[in-house]
Amino acid sequence: MENPVLEIKNLRKSFFFFFVLKDVSFSVKRGEVVVVLGPSGCGKTTMLNMLSGILPVSEGKIYFDDVDVTDLPPEKREVGLVFQNYALYPHMTVLENICFPLKIKKVKKKERIEKAIKYAKMVHIDDYLDRKPKELSGGQQQRVAIARALVKDPKLLLLDEPLSNLDAKLRIEMREEIRRIQKESKVTTFFVTHDQDEASAISDYVLLMKKGV
């Protein structure tokens, strides 16, 4: 039996004396899409930020492929992160945005451009490589953010409410696209949302959260 890509054991997070996460444990198998569903303030984004290394853990352990990453910084965790606001670099073109994580890793220019174009094609953004983010629609910016996260070949793709800024029609289109991209890339995916329809459309499994449990 294959070991889980992600395993969380007795995870807790407190701010001063208030526990936002209370003894959370679960595991995710390779290639699965797990959606964390719950209302605002239930702790789902806090948990995602702990998985990425942005927030420190109060108690408990996080394992990627049986390796304890609980205290590792974000850049050593091999995760791809897509935020609610996309967080694209406005002065860079689409191609430069997608290439940026590989540039930081000092990957050779030819190789990083080839990889960036591969993922741009996967997310159907390859016709816009020379454009700046301000010239793109919200859905196109979302695709760029996903390609930039995938170009690193992450062990885990983390998406934090990635569709909440889009209109209703585009949200439905993009959730289908995210599912297609995930199946094509086979990346293990952890997706945070408060939308039940979104959760059921995208997920293999839904993790329900309420008040940190």
Protein backbone atom coordinates (compact mmCIF):
# COMPACT_ATOMS: atom_id res chain seq x y z
CA MET A 1 0.00 0.00 0.00
CA GLU A 2 1.39 3.39 -1.05
CA ASN A 3 2.23 5.84 1.71
CA PRO A 4 0.27 9.12 1.74
CA VAL A 5 1.79 12.19 0.07
CA LEU A 6 0.49 14.35 2.91
CA GLU A 7 -0.13 13.29 6.48
CA ILE A 8 -1.22 15.57 9.30
CA LYS A 9 -1.05 14.34 12.88
CA ASN A 10 -2.74 16.11 15.81
CA LEU A 11 -2.30 19.56 14.26
CA ARG A 12 -3.15 22.53 16.48
CA LYS A 13 -2.81 26.25 15.99
CA SER A 14 -3.30 28.86 18.67
CA PHE A 15 -3.13 32.64 18.66
CA PHE A 16 -2.38 33.66 22.24
CA PHE A 17 -4.75 31.36 24.20
CA PHE A 18 -7.34 30.84 21.45
CA PHE A 19 -7.11 27.61 19.40
CA VAL A 20 -8.03 28.12 15.73
CA LEU A 21 -7.23 24.47 14.88
CA LYS A 22 -7.95 21.75 17.41
CA ASP A 23 -6.20 18.39 17.04
CA VAL A 24 -6.70 17.86 13.28
CA SER A 25 -5.49 14.57 11.74
CA PHE A 26 -5.90 13.22 8.18
CA SER A 27 -3.92 11.93 5.19
CA VAL A 28 -4.01 12.49 1.42
CA LYS A 29 -2.95 9.92 -1.20
CA ARG A 30 -0.91 10.76 -4.29
CA GLY A 31 -2.95 12.36 -7.07
CA GLU A 32 -6.05 13.05 -4.96
CA VAL A 33 -7.98 16.29 -4.80
CA VAL A 34 -9.06 17.07 -1.25
CA VAL A 35 -11.32 20.06 -0.75
CA VAL A 36 -11.51 21.70 2.68
CA LEU A 37 -15.05 23.03 3.04
CA GLY A 38 -16.31 25.27 5.79
CA PRO A 39 -17.58 28.73 6.72
CA SER A 40 -15.38 31.79 7.16
CA GLY A 41 -13.34 31.62 10.36
CA CYS A 42 -13.40 27.81 10.71
CA GLY A 43 -9.61 27.47 10.29
CA LYS A 44 -9.32 26.19 6.72
CA THR A 45 -7.03 28.95 5.40
CA THR A 46 -5.01 28.80 8.62
CA MET A 47 -4.42 25.09 7.97
CA LEU A 48 -3.42 25.75 4.34
CA ASN A 49 -0.93 28.39 5.49
CA MET A 50 0.56 25.89 7.96
CA LEU A 51 0.93 23.29 5.17
CA SER A 52 2.74 25.85 3.02
CA GLY A 53 5.03 26.92 5.86
CA ILE A 54 3.73 30.51 5.97
CA LEU A 55 2.35 29.98 9.51
CA PRO A 56 4.26 28.05 12.22
CA VAL A 57 2.65 25.02 13.87
CA SER A 58 1.64 25.29 17.54
CA GLU A 59 1.42 21.53 18.08
CA GLY A 60 1.39 18.40 15.92
CA LYS A 61 3.27 17.21 12.83
CA ILE A 62 3.10 17.60 9.04
CA TYR A 63 4.64 14.93 6.78
CA PHE A 64 5.25 15.03 3.02
CA ASP A 65 6.12 11.56 1.69
CA ASP A 66 6.95 10.42 5.26
CA VAL A 67 9.38 13.34 5.72
CA ASP A 68 8.69 15.63 8.68
CA VAL A 69 8.36 19.15 7.19
CA THR A 70 6.75 20.74 10.26
CA ASP A 71 9.59 23.21 10.78
CA LEU A 72 10.78 23.59 7.17
CA PRO A 73 10.54 27.06 5.52
CA PRO A 74 8.13 27.45 2.56
CA GLU A 75 10.84 27.36 -0.12
CA LYS A 76 11.96 23.88 1.00
CA ARG A 77 8.51 22.26 1.10
CA GLU A 78 8.00 21.70 -2.66
CA VAL A 79 4.50 23.17 -2.68
CA GLY A 80 2.74 25.30 -5.27
CA LEU A 81 0.49 27.99 -3.81
CA VAL A 82 -2.37 29.83 -5.52
CA PHE A 83 -3.94 32.68 -3.57
CA GLN A 84 -7.41 34.22 -3.76
CA ASN A 85 -5.98 37.40 -5.35
CA TYR A 86 -3.58 35.52 -7.74
CA ALA A 87 -0.56 37.63 -6.57
CA LEU A 88 0.95 38.02 -10.05
CA TYR A 89 3.86 40.39 -10.59
CA PRO A 90 2.36 43.37 -12.50
CA HIS A 91 5.62 44.46 -14.18
CA MET A 92 6.28 40.98 -15.63
CA THR A 93 4.76 39.34 -18.70
CA VAL A 94 2.77 36.10 -18.42
CA LEU A 95 5.85 34.14 -19.49
CA GLU A 96 8.06 35.91 -16.94
CA ASN A 97 5.50 35.32 -14.18
CA ILE A 98 5.35 31.59 -14.90
CA CYS A 99 9.15 31.35 -15.19
CA PHE A 100 9.83 33.24 -11.96
CA PRO A 101 9.92 30.27 -9.50
CA LEU A 102 12.44 28.52 -11.78
CA LYS A 103 14.52 31.70 -12.09
CA ILE A 104 14.74 31.84 -8.28
CA LYS A 105 15.95 28.23 -8.36
CA LYS A 106 18.58 29.27 -10.94
CA VAL A 107 17.23 26.91 -13.61
CA LYS A 108 18.82 27.65 -17.00
CA LYS A 109 16.89 30.11 -19.14
CA LYS A 110 16.18 27.72 -22.02
CA GLU A 111 14.85 25.01 -19.66
CA ARG A 112 12.64 27.37 -17.66
CA ILE A 113 11.12 28.86 -20.83
CA GLU A 114 10.39 25.38 -22.19
CA LYS A 115 8.72 24.34 -18.92
CA ALA A 116 6.77 27.60 -18.69
CA ILE A 117 5.42 27.17 -22.23
CA LYS A 118 4.45 23.56 -21.44
CA TYR A 119 2.32 24.61 -18.47
CA ALA A 120 0.98 27.69 -20.27
CA LYS A 121 -0.37 25.32 -22.92
CA MET A 122 -1.80 23.03 -20.24
CA VAL A 123 -3.80 25.91 -18.72
CA HIS A 124 -4.69 27.37 -22.15
CA ILE A 125 -2.84 30.66 -21.66
CA ASP A 126 -0.08 30.18 -24.28
CA ASP A 127 -1.56 32.80 -26.61
CA TYR A 128 -0.99 35.51 -23.99
CA LEU A 129 2.66 34.96 -23.03
CA ASP A 130 3.77 38.52 -23.92
CA ARG A 131 0.94 40.27 -22.05
CA LYS A 132 1.06 41.87 -18.62
CA PRO A 133 -1.44 40.79 -15.91
CA LYS A 134 -3.47 44.03 -16.26
CA GLU A 135 -4.25 43.04 -19.87
CA LEU A 136 -5.84 39.75 -18.77
CA SER A 137 -9.28 38.84 -17.46
CA GLY A 138 -9.72 37.41 -13.95
CA GLY A 139 -9.99 33.88 -15.32
CA GLN A 140 -6.83 34.32 -17.40
CA GLN A 141 -4.93 35.67 -14.40
CA GLN A 142 -6.08 32.62 -12.44
CA ARG A 143 -4.66 30.33 -15.13
CA VAL A 144 -1.32 32.14 -14.99
CA ALA A 145 -1.21 31.71 -11.20
CA ILE A 146 -1.91 27.98 -11.54
CA ALA A 147 0.77 27.55 -14.24
CA ARG A 148 3.28 29.41 -12.04
CA ALA A 149 2.47 27.07 -9.14
CA LEU A 150 2.74 23.93 -11.31
CA VAL A 151 5.98 24.84 -13.09
CA LYS A 152 7.95 23.86 -9.96
CA ASP A 153 6.60 20.27 -10.16
CA PRO A 154 5.27 20.56 -6.58
CA LYS A 155 4.47 17.58 -4.37
CA LEU A 156 1.37 19.45 -3.28
CA LEU A 157 -0.73 22.14 -4.98
CA LEU A 158 -2.45 24.42 -2.46
CA LEU A 159 -5.34 26.60 -3.62
CA ASP A 160 -6.89 29.13 -1.23
CA GLU A 161 -10.41 30.17 -2.36
CA PRO A 162 -9.03 30.63 -5.91
CA LEU A 163 -12.39 31.26 -7.59
CA SER A 164 -14.07 33.59 -5.13
CA ASN A 165 -13.19 36.78 -7.08
CA LEU A 166 -14.76 35.53 -10.33
CA ASP A 167 -18.35 35.94 -11.51
CA ALA A 168 -20.73 32.95 -11.27
CA LYS A 169 -20.43 31.80 -14.90
CA LEU A 170 -16.63 32.01 -14.89
CA ARG A 171 -16.43 30.19 -11.55
CA ILE A 172 -18.23 27.18 -13.04
CA GLU A 173 -15.96 27.25 -16.11
CA MET A 174 -12.79 27.58 -14.02
CA ARG A 175 -13.65 24.80 -11.56
CA GLU A 176 -14.05 22.45 -14.53
CA GLU A 177 -10.72 23.71 -15.87
CA ILE A 178 -8.99 23.19 -12.51
CA ARG A 179 -10.25 19.59 -12.45
CA ARG A 180 -8.99 19.06 -16.02
CA ILE A 181 -5.60 20.60 -15.23
CA GLN A 182 -5.28 18.48 -12.09
CA LYS A 183 -6.05 15.26 -13.96
CA GLU A 184 -3.56 16.18 -16.69
CA SER A 185 -0.78 17.14 -14.28
CA LYS A 186 -1.68 14.43 -11.70
CA VAL A 187 -0.58 16.78 -8.90
CA THR A 188 -1.93 16.10 -5.41
CA THR A 189 -4.21 19.04 -4.66
CA PHE A 190 -5.50 20.69 -1.49
CA PHE A 191 -8.30 23.16 -2.24
CA VAL A 192 -9.95 25.53 0.26
CA THR A 193 -13.49 26.84 -0.31
CA HIS A 194 -16.75 27.79 1.43
CA ASP A 195 -18.81 26.84 -1.68
CA GLN A 196 -20.51 23.42 -1.50
CA ASP A 197 -21.10 23.19 -5.27
CA GLU A 198 -17.44 23.97 -5.90
CA ALA A 199 -16.35 21.32 -3.41
CA SER A 200 -18.50 18.57 -4.92
CA ALA A 201 -17.49 19.47 -8.50
CA ILE A 202 -13.73 19.42 -7.90
CA SER A 203 -13.02 16.97 -5.09
CA ASP A 204 -12.23 13.31 -4.69
CA TYR A 205 -12.81 13.84 -0.97
CA VAL A 206 -14.29 16.68 1.07
CA LEU A 207 -12.87 17.58 4.47
CA LEU A 208 -15.56 19.41 6.45
CA MET A 209 -14.42 21.94 9.02
CA LYS A 210 -16.27 23.82 11.72
CA LYS A 211 -14.73 25.90 14.51
CA GLY A 212 -11.28 24.37 14.05
CA VAL A 213 -12.45 20.73 14.08
